Protein backbone atom coordinates (compact mmCIF):
# COMPACT_ATOMS: atom_id res chain seq x y z
CA MET A 1 9.08 -10.92 5.89
CA THR A 2 8.19 -12.72 2.91
CA ARG A 3 6.39 -11.63 -0.48
CA ASP A 4 2.39 -12.36 1.15
CA GLU A 5 2.93 -11.32 4.57
CA ILE A 6 4.35 -7.70 2.89
CA ARG A 7 1.43 -7.94 0.97
CA GLN A 8 -1.12 -8.93 3.75
CA THR A 9 0.30 -5.91 5.12
CA VAL A 10 -0.28 -3.50 2.26
CA LEU A 11 -4.21 -4.68 1.92
CA HIS A 12 -5.15 -4.81 5.70
CA THR A 13 -3.34 -1.01 6.12
CA LEU A 14 -5.28 -0.03 2.71
CA ARG A 15 -8.34 -1.23 5.18
CA THR A 16 -7.71 1.24 7.52
CA ILE A 17 -7.89 3.44 5.51
CA ALA A 18 -10.83 2.45 2.96
CA PRO A 19 -13.27 0.18 5.64
CA GLU A 20 -14.76 -0.39 2.81
CA ALA A 21 -12.42 -2.09 0.40
CA ASP A 22 -13.29 -5.51 0.36
CA PRO A 23 -9.49 -6.67 0.12
CA ALA A 24 -10.51 -10.33 -2.33
CA GLU A 25 -11.63 -7.69 -5.21
CA VAL A 26 -8.66 -5.28 -4.71
CA GLN A 27 -6.71 -5.69 -8.44
CA PRO A 28 -2.87 -6.30 -8.11
CA ASP A 29 -1.96 -4.77 -10.90
CA THR A 30 -4.68 -1.96 -10.99
CA ALA A 31 -4.18 1.92 -9.80
CA LEU A 32 -5.31 1.47 -6.20
CA ARG A 33 -6.42 5.68 -5.73
CA VAL A 34 -8.62 4.30 -8.77
CA GLN A 35 -10.65 1.25 -6.91
CA LEU A 36 -10.66 2.73 -3.94
CA ASP A 37 -12.10 6.48 -4.69
CA ILE A 38 -8.61 7.56 -2.03
CA ASP A 39 -8.00 11.16 -1.76
CA SER A 40 -4.35 12.60 -1.96
CA MET A 41 -4.89 12.79 2.29
CA ASP A 42 -6.61 9.56 2.59
CA ALA A 43 -2.67 8.42 0.38
CA LEU A 44 -0.78 9.86 2.62
CA ASN A 45 -2.03 8.37 5.64
CA PHE A 46 -1.96 5.02 3.59
CA PHE A 47 2.13 5.70 3.13
CA ILE A 48 2.72 6.41 7.46
CA ARG A 49 0.72 3.87 7.87
CA LEU A 50 3.01 1.71 6.09
CA HIS A 51 5.82 3.32 7.50
CA GLU A 52 4.23 2.81 11.59
CA LYS A 53 3.90 -1.09 10.81
CA LEU A 54 6.87 -2.08 8.26
CA GLY A 55 9.43 0.82 9.64
CA VAL A 56 10.50 1.14 5.69
CA GLU A 57 10.80 4.82 5.16
CA ILE A 58 9.17 6.02 2.18
CA PRO A 59 11.00 9.24 0.68
CA GLU A 60 7.82 11.60 -0.93
CA ALA A 61 9.34 11.31 -4.51
CA ASP A 62 8.91 7.45 -4.23
CA TYR A 63 5.32 7.21 -3.97
CA PRO A 64 4.38 7.09 -7.37
CA LYS A 65 5.79 4.03 -7.44
CA LEU A 66 3.79 2.30 -5.09
CA ASN A 67 0.42 3.06 -7.74
CA THR A 68 -1.02 -0.34 -7.30
CA LEU A 69 -0.43 -3.87 -5.39
CA ASN A 70 2.15 -5.21 -6.55
CA GLU A 71 3.93 -2.27 -6.53
CA CYS A 72 3.72 -1.62 -3.35
CA VAL A 73 4.40 -4.49 -2.24
CA ALA A 74 7.94 -4.62 -4.55
CA TYR A 75 8.74 -1.87 -3.45
CA LEU A 76 8.36 -2.33 -0.04
CA ALA A 77 10.32 -6.42 -0.64
CA ALA A 78 12.72 -4.37 -1.73
CA LYS A 79 12.98 -2.16 1.14
CA LEU A 80 12.13 -4.83 3.75
CA GLY A 81 15.17 -7.43 1.48
């Protein structure tokens, strides 16, 4: 899976958590929770859905590593690589 495909999967998953989010306006280096007003339950659902879609285990200890869009893509690309 390419980084672009991972990015699109992350953005699509974010839309399921925050339907009002416009993927074109997500800033790649700004915290997703701040940009999209995501609470802790939404964040947990986001990680669960990423796991379901990509088959990547995301341990709770790694959640802080997926703070921004770029961090999500880099983390998932490393796990899928």
